[in-house]
């Protein structure tokens, strides 16, 4: 029988534990999110982050900047936050407008306040097996889901579909650091279905609705769906064809309620970690 991995429940547990710990401190952890422009999905996501951070007892601030903000102006905001001792975590919501160089913005953030774990210092520490100040939220949330459900990682074949700096690459490093044998697939990968069908752990993070079908999945595999897509009829769908694959997988995450809630929970986990680093 397939086990449904409900990230929502684990995320709530993590946030509750953080809330209890924060009550023991004289100061509150500080998280500041910068959002540029009017992207509706980004606004919804940022509001969820703020609401959850406040529930956990954090000082949570959202800086809303117009689409027309310049590179220099945005970097000035980051400089101010880097120098503000009340701010432990800085997050610049992606995507940014086309005239902004996102890599330069990420690099501008103090690595010790880089709550997303995207800075080259933190990404490099992760790749080399060292301890980053923070690990990218979604990948670390996925690993926590696997561990919480007693899904063995060491020695297993793990396939990650997607090579983004936000999910695919850091997740591959996390799994490698836990002694999995990792294959990273992407749009140019040949024989994708055959590669996926050998995976003990299959993670889909490509942004293509219902890409992964039942014949892509090894019986009993753990299938983690990172996708959030809208189908032609407006319904929400993951990168995995849930109805098909849930009949074959040993474990599977739903969309919504799977990986998504874990991303915000780990954001708070990272902020608390940085707060303790600074105090």
C-alpha atoms as a PDB file:
ATOM      1  CA  UNK A   1       0.000   0.000   0.000  1.00  0.00           C
ATOM      2  CA  UNK A   2       1.348   3.422  -0.961  1.00  0.00           C
ATOM      3  CA  UNK A   3       2.239   5.752   1.917  1.00  0.00           C
ATOM      4  CA  UNK A   4       1.188   9.355   1.426  1.00  0.00           C
ATOM      5  CA  UNK A   5       3.961  11.709   2.631  1.00  0.00           C
ATOM      6  CA  UNK A   6       2.114  14.679   4.061  1.00  0.00           C
ATOM      7  CA  UNK A   7       4.590  17.520   4.333  1.00  0.00           C
ATOM      8  CA  UNK A   8       1.956  19.745   5.911  1.00  0.00           C
ATOM      9  CA  UNK A   9       1.942  17.705   9.115  1.00  0.00           C
ATOM     10  CA  UNK A  10       5.733  17.620   9.499  1.00  0.00           C
ATOM     11  CA  UNK A  11       5.951  21.333   8.666  1.00  0.00           C
ATOM     12  CA  UNK A  12       3.447  22.164  11.406  1.00  0.00           C
ATOM     13  CA  UNK A  13       5.460  20.062  13.867  1.00  0.00           C
ATOM     14  CA  UNK A  14       8.691  21.887  12.962  1.00  0.00           C
ATOM     15  CA  UNK A  15       7.060  25.314  13.280  1.00  0.00           C
ATOM     16  CA  UNK A  16       5.541  24.354  16.665  1.00  0.00           C
ATOM     17  CA  UNK A  17       8.963  23.240  17.930  1.00  0.00           C
ATOM     18  CA  UNK A  18      10.518  26.499  16.737  1.00  0.00           C
ATOM     19  CA  UNK A  19       7.763  28.534  18.398  1.00  0.00           C
ATOM     20  CA  UNK A  20       8.415  26.803  21.736  1.00  0.00           C
ATOM     21  CA  UNK A  21      12.164  27.379  21.477  1.00  0.00           C
ATOM     22  CA  UNK A  22      11.814  31.054  20.536  1.00  0.00           C
ATOM     23  CA  UNK A  23       9.803  31.695  23.723  1.00  0.00           C
ATOM     24  CA  UNK A  24      12.960  30.887  25.719  1.00  0.00           C
ATOM     25  CA  UNK A  25      14.910  33.791  24.222  1.00  0.00           C
ATOM     26  CA  UNK A  26      14.948  37.443  25.279  1.00  0.00           C
ATOM     27  CA  UNK A  27      15.291  38.536  21.651  1.00  0.00           C
ATOM     28  CA  UNK A  28      13.252  37.497  18.635  1.00  0.00           C
ATOM     29  CA  UNK A  29      14.806  36.115  15.448  1.00  0.00           C
ATOM     30  CA  UNK A  30      14.496  38.641  12.632  1.00  0.00           C
ATOM     31  CA  UNK A  31      13.525  37.675   9.066  1.00  0.00           C
ATOM     32  CA  UNK A  32      13.260  40.232   6.265  1.00  0.00           C
ATOM     33  CA  UNK A  33      11.885  39.387   2.823  1.00  0.00           C
ATOM     34  CA  UNK A  34      12.321  41.702  -0.158  1.00  0.00           C
ATOM     35  CA  UNK A  35       9.819  41.383  -2.989  1.00  0.00           C
ATOM     36  CA  UNK A  36      10.137  43.312  -6.244  1.00  0.00           C
ATOM     37  CA  UNK A  37       7.160  43.943  -8.505  1.00  0.00           C
ATOM     38  CA  UNK A  38       3.609  42.608  -8.551  1.00  0.00           C
ATOM     39  CA  UNK A  39       3.999  38.875  -9.280  1.00  0.00           C
ATOM     40  CA  UNK A  40       0.764  37.430  -7.776  1.00  0.00           C
ATOM     41  CA  UNK A  41       2.259  33.999  -6.978  1.00  0.00           C
ATOM     42  CA  UNK A  42       5.250  35.600  -5.276  1.00  0.00           C
ATOM     43  CA  UNK A  43       2.981  37.855  -3.209  1.00  0.00           C
ATOM     44  CA  UNK A  44       0.920  34.902  -1.995  1.00  0.00           C
ATOM     45  CA  UNK A  45       4.073  32.984  -1.096  1.00  0.00           C
ATOM     46  CA  UNK A  46       5.664  35.941   0.718  1.00  0.00           C
ATOM     47  CA  UNK A  47       2.486  36.508   2.729  1.00  0.00           C
ATOM     48  CA  UNK A  48       2.539  32.856   3.815  1.00  0.00           C
ATOM     49  CA  UNK A  49       6.165  33.232   4.897  1.00  0.00           C
ATOM     50  CA  UNK A  50       5.391  36.354   6.927  1.00  0.00           C
ATOM     51  CA  UNK A  51       2.306  34.834   8.572  1.00  0.00           C
ATOM     52  CA  UNK A  52       4.135  31.615   9.539  1.00  0.00           C
ATOM     53  CA  UNK A  53       7.177  33.531  10.820  1.00  0.00           C
ATOM     54  CA  UNK A  54       4.972  35.693  13.027  1.00  0.00           C
ATOM     55  CA  UNK A  55       3.200  32.593  14.348  1.00  0.00           C
ATOM     56  CA  UNK A  56       6.589  31.215  15.394  1.00  0.00           C
ATOM     57  CA  UNK A  57       7.351  34.407  17.316  1.00  0.00           C
ATOM     58  CA  UNK A  58       9.757  36.011  14.820  1.00  0.00           C
ATOM     59  CA  UNK A  59      10.086  39.661  13.899  1.00  0.00           C
ATOM     60  CA  UNK A  60       9.024  39.424  10.272  1.00  0.00           C
ATOM     61  CA  UNK A  61       9.285  42.276   7.779  1.00  0.00           C
ATOM     62  CA  UNK A  62       8.382  42.449   4.096  1.00  0.00           C
ATOM     63  CA  UNK A  63       9.956  45.180   1.970  1.00  0.00           C
ATOM     64  CA  UNK A  64       7.902  45.739  -1.182  1.00  0.00           C
ATOM     65  CA  UNK A  65       9.757  47.465  -4.014  1.00  0.00           C
ATOM     66  CA  UNK A  66       8.420  48.591  -7.395  1.00  0.00           C
ATOM     67  CA  UNK A  67       9.210  46.730 -10.611  1.00  0.00           C
ATOM     68  CA  UNK A  68      11.285  49.751 -11.686  1.00  0.00           C
ATOM     69  CA  UNK A  69      13.773  49.549  -8.792  1.00  0.00           C
ATOM     70  CA  UNK A  70      17.364  49.688 -10.020  1.00  0.00           C
ATOM     71  CA  UNK A  71      20.110  47.172  -9.352  1.00  0.00           C
ATOM     72  CA  UNK A  72      21.965  49.712  -7.194  1.00  0.00           C
ATOM     73  CA  UNK A  73      18.873  50.630  -5.183  1.00  0.00           C
ATOM     74  CA  UNK A  74      18.159  46.972  -4.436  1.00  0.00           C
ATOM     75  CA  UNK A  75      21.777  46.378  -3.438  1.00  0.00           C
ATOM     76  CA  UNK A  76      21.563  49.398  -1.102  1.00  0.00           C
ATOM     77  CA  UNK A  77      18.593  47.819   0.678  1.00  0.00           C
ATOM     78  CA  UNK A  78      20.592  44.611   1.118  1.00  0.00           C
ATOM     79  CA  UNK A  79      23.595  46.542   2.467  1.00  0.00           C
ATOM     80  CA  UNK A  80      21.348  48.127   5.103  1.00  0.00           C
ATOM     81  CA  UNK A  81      19.958  44.742   6.121  1.00  0.00           C
ATOM     82  CA  UNK A  82      23.445  43.199   6.224  1.00  0.00           C
ATOM     83  CA  UNK A  83      24.427  45.920   8.711  1.00  0.00           C
ATOM     84  CA  UNK A  84      21.262  45.688  10.814  1.00  0.00           C
ATOM     85  CA  UNK A  85      21.895  43.508  13.903  1.00  0.00           C
ATOM     86  CA  UNK A  86      18.139  42.941  14.336  1.00  0.00           C
ATOM     87  CA  UNK A  87      17.986  41.082  11.006  1.00  0.00           C
ATOM     88  CA  UNK A  88      19.177  37.459  11.123  1.00  0.00           C
ATOM     89  CA  UNK A  89      17.843  36.250   7.788  1.00  0.00           C
ATOM     90  CA  UNK A  90      17.533  38.045   4.437  1.00  0.00           C
ATOM     91  CA  UNK A  91      15.515  36.610   1.559  1.00  0.00           C
ATOM     92  CA  UNK A  92      15.066  38.202  -1.856  1.00  0.00           C
ATOM     93  CA  UNK A  93      12.021  36.620  -3.471  1.00  0.00           C
ATOM     94  CA  UNK A  94      12.694  35.199  -6.917  1.00  0.00           C
ATOM     95  CA  UNK A  95      12.111  35.673  -9.806  1.00  0.00           C
ATOM     96  CA  UNK A  96      13.365  39.248 -10.139  1.00  0.00           C
ATOM     97  CA  UNK A  97      12.602  41.571 -13.087  1.00  0.00           C
ATOM     98  CA  UNK A  98      14.755  41.054 -16.171  1.00  0.00           C
ATOM     99  CA  UNK A  99      16.852  44.197 -15.668  1.00  0.00           C
ATOM    100  CA  UNK A 100      18.071  42.952 -12.264  1.00  0.00           C
ATOM    101  CA  UNK A 101      21.042  40.569 -12.133  1.00  0.00           C
ATOM    102  CA  UNK A 102      19.792  37.966  -9.657  1.00  0.00           C
ATOM    103  CA  UNK A 103      23.235  36.373  -9.197  1.00  0.00           C
ATOM    104  CA  UNK A 104      24.762  39.689  -8.119  1.00  0.00           C
ATOM    105  CA  UNK A 105      21.876  40.253  -5.708  1.00  0.00           C
ATOM    106  CA  UNK A 106      22.302  36.818  -4.120  1.00  0.00           C
ATOM    107  CA  UNK A 107      26.040  37.374  -3.828  1.00  0.00           C
ATOM    108  CA  UNK A 108      25.439  40.744  -2.140  1.00  0.00           C
ATOM    109  CA  UNK A 109      23.695  39.092   0.823  1.00  0.00           C
ATOM    110  CA  UNK A 110      25.958  38.336   3.786  1.00  0.00           C
ATOM    111  CA  UNK A 111      26.394  34.510   3.717  1.00  0.00           C
ATOM    112  CA  UNK A 112      25.668  34.478   7.467  1.00  0.00           C
ATOM    113  CA  UNK A 113      22.262  36.053   6.747  1.00  0.00           C
ATOM    114  CA  UNK A 114      21.542  34.116   3.537  1.00  0.00           C
ATOM    115  CA  UNK A 115      18.513  32.267   4.840  1.00  0.00           C
ATOM    116  CA  UNK A 116      17.843  30.701   1.411  1.00  0.00           C
ATOM    117  CA  UNK A 117      21.292  29.098   1.224  1.00  0.00           C
ATOM    118  CA  UNK A 118      21.831  30.420  -2.328  1.00  0.00           C
ATOM    119  CA  UNK A 119      25.034  32.431  -1.766  1.00  0.00           C
ATOM    120  CA  UNK A 120      28.111  30.893  -3.442  1.00  0.00           C
ATOM    121  CA  UNK A 121      29.715  30.451  -0.007  1.00  0.00           C
ATOM    122  CA  UNK A 122      26.785  28.383   1.264  1.00  0.00           C
ATOM    123  CA  UNK A 123      26.325  26.518  -2.025  1.00  0.00           C
ATOM    124  CA  UNK A 124      30.057  25.761  -2.102  1.00  0.00           C
ATOM    125  CA  UNK A 125      30.113  24.531   1.480  1.00  0.00           C
ATOM    126  CA  UNK A 126      27.228  22.193   0.690  1.00  0.00           C
ATOM    127  CA  UNK A 127      28.913  20.754  -2.424  1.00  0.00           C
ATOM    128  CA  UNK A 128      32.176  20.140  -0.561  1.00  0.00           C
ATOM    129  CA  UNK A 129      30.449  18.444   2.365  1.00  0.00           C
ATOM    130  CA  UNK A 130      31.065  21.244   4.854  1.00  0.00           C
ATOM    131  CA  UNK A 131      28.430  22.847   7.078  1.00  0.00           C
ATOM    132  CA  UNK A 132      26.754  25.796   5.311  1.00  0.00           C
ATOM    133  CA  UNK A 133      25.299  28.640   7.349  1.00  0.00           C
ATOM    134  CA  UNK A 134      21.986  27.652   5.744  1.00  0.00           C
ATOM    135  CA  UNK A 135      20.905  24.957   3.278  1.00  0.00           C
ATOM    136  CA  UNK A 136      18.468  25.688   0.454  1.00  0.00           C
ATOM    137  CA  UNK A 137      14.990  25.325   1.961  1.00  0.00           C
ATOM    138  CA  UNK A 138      13.151  23.050  -0.497  1.00  0.00           C
ATOM    139  CA  UNK A 139      15.957  20.470  -0.872  1.00  0.00           C
ATOM    140  CA  UNK A 140      16.531  20.273   2.866  1.00  0.00           C
ATOM    141  CA  UNK A 141      12.789  19.974   3.387  1.00  0.00           C
ATOM    142  CA  UNK A 142      12.746  17.006   0.991  1.00  0.00           C
ATOM    143  CA  UNK A 143      15.541  15.274   2.913  1.00  0.00           C
ATOM    144  CA  UNK A 144      13.674  15.854   6.179  1.00  0.00           C
ATOM    145  CA  UNK A 145      10.564  14.270   4.641  1.00  0.00           C
ATOM    146  CA  UNK A 146      12.550  11.202   3.583  1.00  0.00           C
ATOM    147  CA  UNK A 147      14.200  10.859   6.986  1.00  0.00           C
ATOM    148  CA  UNK A 148      10.977  11.415   8.926  1.00  0.00           C
ATOM    149  CA  UNK A 149       9.316   8.610   6.945  1.00  0.00           C
ATOM    150  CA  UNK A 150      12.274   6.263   7.537  1.00  0.00           C
ATOM    151  CA  UNK A 151      13.084   6.112   3.833  1.00  0.00           C
ATOM    152  CA  UNK A 152      16.648   4.883   3.558  1.00  0.00           C
ATOM    153  CA  UNK A 153      18.953   7.146   1.546  1.00  0.00           C
ATOM    154  CA  UNK A 154      22.366   5.543   2.004  1.00  0.00           C
ATOM    155  CA  UNK A 155      23.264   3.188  -0.853  1.00  0.00           C
ATOM    156  CA  UNK A 156      20.040   3.899  -2.751  1.00  0.00           C
ATOM    157  CA  UNK A 157      19.689   5.038  -6.356  1.00  0.00           C
ATOM    158  CA  UNK A 158      18.300   8.569  -6.361  1.00  0.00           C
ATOM    159  CA  UNK A 159      17.209  10.360  -9.528  1.00  0.00           C
ATOM    160  CA  UNK A 160      16.558  14.107  -9.532  1.00  0.00           C
ATOM    161  CA  UNK A 161      14.754  15.515 -12.574  1.00  0.00           C
ATOM    162  CA  UNK A 162      15.796  19.160 -12.771  1.00  0.00           C
ATOM    163  CA  UNK A 163      19.153  20.886 -12.332  1.00  0.00           C
ATOM    164  CA  UNK A 164      18.189  24.292 -10.941  1.00  0.00           C
ATOM    165  CA  UNK A 165      20.349  26.066  -8.375  1.00  0.00           C
ATOM    166  CA  UNK A 166      17.285  26.261  -6.133  1.00  0.00           C
ATOM    167  CA  UNK A 167      16.291  22.571  -6.010  1.00  0.00           C
ATOM    168  CA  UNK A 168      18.079  20.109  -8.291  1.00  0.00           C
ATOM    169  CA  UNK A 169      21.749  20.875  -7.639  1.00  0.00           C
ATOM    170  CA  UNK A 170      21.578  21.380  -3.851  1.00  0.00           C
ATOM    171  CA  UNK A 171      19.342  18.336  -3.461  1.00  0.00           C
ATOM    172  CA  UNK A 172      21.848  16.211  -5.391  1.00  0.00           C
ATOM    173  CA  UNK A 173      24.580  17.368  -2.976  1.00  0.00           C
ATOM    174  CA  UNK A 174      22.445  16.629   0.079  1.00  0.00           C
ATOM    175  CA  UNK A 175      21.708  13.112  -1.168  1.00  0.00           C
ATOM    176  CA  UNK A 176      25.344  12.498  -2.117  1.00  0.00           C
ATOM    177  CA  UNK A 177      26.420  13.656   1.339  1.00  0.00           C
ATOM    178  CA  UNK A 178      24.094  10.969   2.727  1.00  0.00           C
ATOM    179  CA  UNK A 179      25.739   8.318   0.533  1.00  0.00           C
ATOM    180  CA  UNK A 180      23.076   7.904  -2.136  1.00  0.00           C
ATOM    181  CA  UNK A 181      24.062   7.236  -5.746  1.00  0.00           C
ATOM    182  CA  UNK A 182      22.655  10.285  -7.516  1.00  0.00           C
ATOM    183  CA  UNK A 183      21.708  10.907 -11.144  1.00  0.00           C
ATOM    184  CA  UNK A 184      20.667  14.424 -12.143  1.00  0.00           C
ATOM    185  CA  UNK A 185      18.468  14.563 -15.253  1.00  0.00           C
ATOM    186  CA  UNK A 186      17.358  17.555 -17.329  1.00  0.00           C
ATOM    187  CA  UNK A 187      15.811  18.585 -20.641  1.00  0.00           C
ATOM    188  CA  UNK A 188      18.740  17.148 -22.651  1.00  0.00           C
ATOM    189  CA  UNK A 189      18.815  13.785 -20.873  1.00  0.00           C
ATOM    190  CA  UNK A 190      18.330  10.808 -23.170  1.00  0.00           C
ATOM    191  CA  UNK A 191      16.294   7.753 -22.092  1.00  0.00           C
ATOM    192  CA  UNK A 192      14.776   9.731 -19.223  1.00  0.00           C
ATOM    193  CA  UNK A 193      12.005   7.213 -18.571  1.00  0.00           C
ATOM    194  CA  UNK A 194      14.462   4.318 -18.329  1.00  0.00           C
ATOM    195  CA  UNK A 195      16.719   6.213 -15.920  1.00  0.00           C
ATOM    196  CA  UNK A 196      13.787   7.158 -13.698  1.00  0.00           C
ATOM    197  CA  UNK A 197      12.447   3.605 -13.660  1.00  0.00           C
ATOM    198  CA  UNK A 198      15.602   2.443 -11.845  1.00  0.00           C
ATOM    199  CA  UNK A 199      15.314   4.992  -9.041  1.00  0.00           C
ATOM    200  CA  UNK A 200      14.646   4.032  -5.423  1.00  0.00           C
ATOM    201  CA  UNK A 201      14.090   7.740  -4.752  1.00  0.00           C
ATOM    202  CA  UNK A 202      12.660   9.828  -7.585  1.00  0.00           C
ATOM    203  CA  UNK A 203      12.360  13.611  -7.283  1.00  0.00           C
ATOM    204  CA  UNK A 204      10.554  15.600  -9.984  1.00  0.00           C
ATOM    205  CA  UNK A 205      11.375  19.320 -10.080  1.00  0.00           C
ATOM    206  CA  UNK A 206      10.970  20.498 -13.672  1.00  0.00           C
ATOM    207  CA  UNK A 207       7.707  22.449 -13.829  1.00  0.00           C
ATOM    208  CA  UNK A 208       5.922  20.207 -16.336  1.00  0.00           C
ATOM    209  CA  UNK A 209       2.479  19.038 -15.285  1.00  0.00           C
ATOM    210  CA  UNK A 210       2.083  15.260 -14.920  1.00  0.00           C
ATOM    211  CA  UNK A 211       5.364  14.521 -16.699  1.00  0.00           C
ATOM    212  CA  UNK A 212       6.137  11.439 -14.606  1.00  0.00           C
ATOM    213  CA  UNK A 213       3.845   8.508 -15.418  1.00  0.00           C
ATOM    214  CA  UNK A 214       3.460   5.104 -13.774  1.00  0.00           C
ATOM    215  CA  UNK A 215       5.795   3.382 -16.233  1.00  0.00           C
ATOM    216  CA  UNK A 216       8.566   5.800 -15.191  1.00  0.00           C
ATOM    217  CA  UNK A 217       8.466   4.527 -11.607  1.00  0.00           C
ATOM    218  CA  UNK A 218      10.064   1.504  -9.982  1.00  0.00           C
ATOM    219  CA  UNK A 219       7.550  -0.448  -7.862  1.00  0.00           C
ATOM    220  CA  UNK A 220       7.855   0.650  -4.237  1.00  0.00           C
ATOM    221  CA  UNK A 221       9.945   3.752  -4.998  1.00  0.00           C
ATOM    222  CA  UNK A 222       9.701   6.967  -2.999  1.00  0.00           C
ATOM    223  CA  UNK A 223       8.396   9.690  -5.331  1.00  0.00           C
ATOM    224  CA  UNK A 224       8.786  13.335  -4.334  1.00  0.00           C
ATOM    225  CA  UNK A 225       6.873  15.885  -6.409  1.00  0.00           C
ATOM    226  CA  UNK A 226       8.206  19.457  -6.269  1.00  0.00           C
ATOM    227  CA  UNK A 227       6.101  20.733  -9.183  1.00  0.00           C
ATOM    228  CA  UNK A 228       3.339  23.339  -8.886  1.00  0.00           C
ATOM    229  CA  UNK A 229       1.643  23.730 -12.267  1.00  0.00           C
ATOM    230  CA  UNK A 230      -1.706  24.864 -13.629  1.00  0.00           C
ATOM    231  CA  UNK A 231      -3.337  22.581 -16.169  1.00  0.00           C
ATOM    232  CA  UNK A 232      -5.405  23.892 -19.094  1.00  0.00           C
ATOM    233  CA  UNK A 233      -8.571  23.643 -17.002  1.00  0.00           C
ATOM    234  CA  UNK A 234      -6.950  25.750 -14.260  1.00  0.00           C
ATOM    235  CA  UNK A 235      -6.422  22.926 -11.785  1.00  0.00           C
ATOM    236  CA  UNK A 236      -3.257  22.585  -9.710  1.00  0.00           C
ATOM    237  CA  UNK A 237      -1.015  19.661 -10.689  1.00  0.00           C
ATOM    238  CA  UNK A 238       2.455  18.476  -9.817  1.00  0.00           C
ATOM    239  CA  UNK A 239       5.169  17.154 -12.099  1.00  0.00           C
ATOM    240  CA  UNK A 240       3.956  13.637 -11.270  1.00  0.00           C
ATOM    241  CA  UNK A 241       0.727  12.088 -12.522  1.00  0.00           C
ATOM    242  CA  UNK A 242      -0.467  11.391  -8.999  1.00  0.00           C
ATOM    243  CA  UNK A 243      -3.436   9.167  -9.866  1.00  0.00           C
ATOM    244  CA  UNK A 244      -1.268   6.837 -11.954  1.00  0.00           C
ATOM    245  CA  UNK A 245       1.898   6.836  -9.894  1.00  0.00           C
ATOM    246  CA  UNK A 246       0.237   6.478  -6.493  1.00  0.00           C
ATOM    247  CA  UNK A 247      -0.868   2.996  -7.563  1.00  0.00           C
ATOM    248  CA  UNK A 248       2.756   1.915  -8.001  1.00  0.00           C
ATOM    249  CA  UNK A 249       4.988   3.953  -5.689  1.00  0.00           C
ATOM    250  CA  UNK A 250       5.818   2.938  -2.131  1.00  0.00           C
ATOM    251  CA  UNK A 251       5.741   6.561  -0.989  1.00  0.00           C
ATOM    252  CA  UNK A 252       4.468   9.703  -2.706  1.00  0.00           C
ATOM    253  CA  UNK A 253       3.966  13.382  -1.874  1.00  0.00           C
ATOM    254  CA  UNK A 254       0.683  15.075  -2.825  1.00  0.00           C
ATOM    255  CA  UNK A 255       0.354  18.459  -4.541  1.00  0.00           C
ATOM    256  CA  UNK A 256      -0.537  20.603  -2.692  1.00  0.00           C
ATOM    257  CA  UNK A 257       0.329  19.640   0.892  1.00  0.00           C
ATOM    258  CA  UNK A 258       3.572  17.792   0.198  1.00  0.00           C
ATOM    259  CA  UNK A 259       6.857  19.619  -0.357  1.00  0.00           C
ATOM    260  CA  UNK A 260       5.451  23.176  -0.333  1.00  0.00           C
ATOM    261  CA  UNK A 261       4.741  23.542   3.399  1.00  0.00           C
ATOM    262  CA  UNK A 262       8.189  22.131   4.206  1.00  0.00           C
ATOM    263  CA  UNK A 263       9.897  24.944   2.290  1.00  0.00           C
ATOM    264  CA  UNK A 264       8.453  27.583   4.627  1.00  0.00           C
ATOM    265  CA  UNK A 265       9.108  25.478   7.742  1.00  0.00           C
ATOM    266  CA  UNK A 266      12.780  25.095   6.779  1.00  0.00           C
ATOM    267  CA  UNK A 267      12.977  28.830   6.090  1.00  0.00           C
ATOM    268  CA  UNK A 268      12.109  29.379   9.754  1.00  0.00           C
ATOM    269  CA  UNK A 269      14.479  26.586  10.809  1.00  0.00           C
ATOM    270  CA  UNK A 270      17.270  28.355   8.918  1.00  0.00           C
ATOM    271  CA  UNK A 271      16.388  31.751  10.380  1.00  0.00           C
ATOM    272  CA  UNK A 272      16.554  30.337  13.903  1.00  0.00           C
ATOM    273  CA  UNK A 273      19.901  28.710  13.113  1.00  0.00           C
ATOM    274  CA  UNK A 274      21.290  32.059  11.904  1.00  0.00           C
ATOM    275  CA  UNK A 275      19.820  33.833  14.936  1.00  0.00           C
ATOM    276  CA  UNK A 276      21.738  31.466  17.212  1.00  0.00           C
ATOM    277  CA  UNK A 277      24.877  32.091  15.158  1.00  0.00           C
ATOM    278  CA  UNK A 278      24.546  35.838  15.756  1.00  0.00           C
ATOM    279  CA  UNK A 279      23.692  35.672  19.480  1.00  0.00           C
END
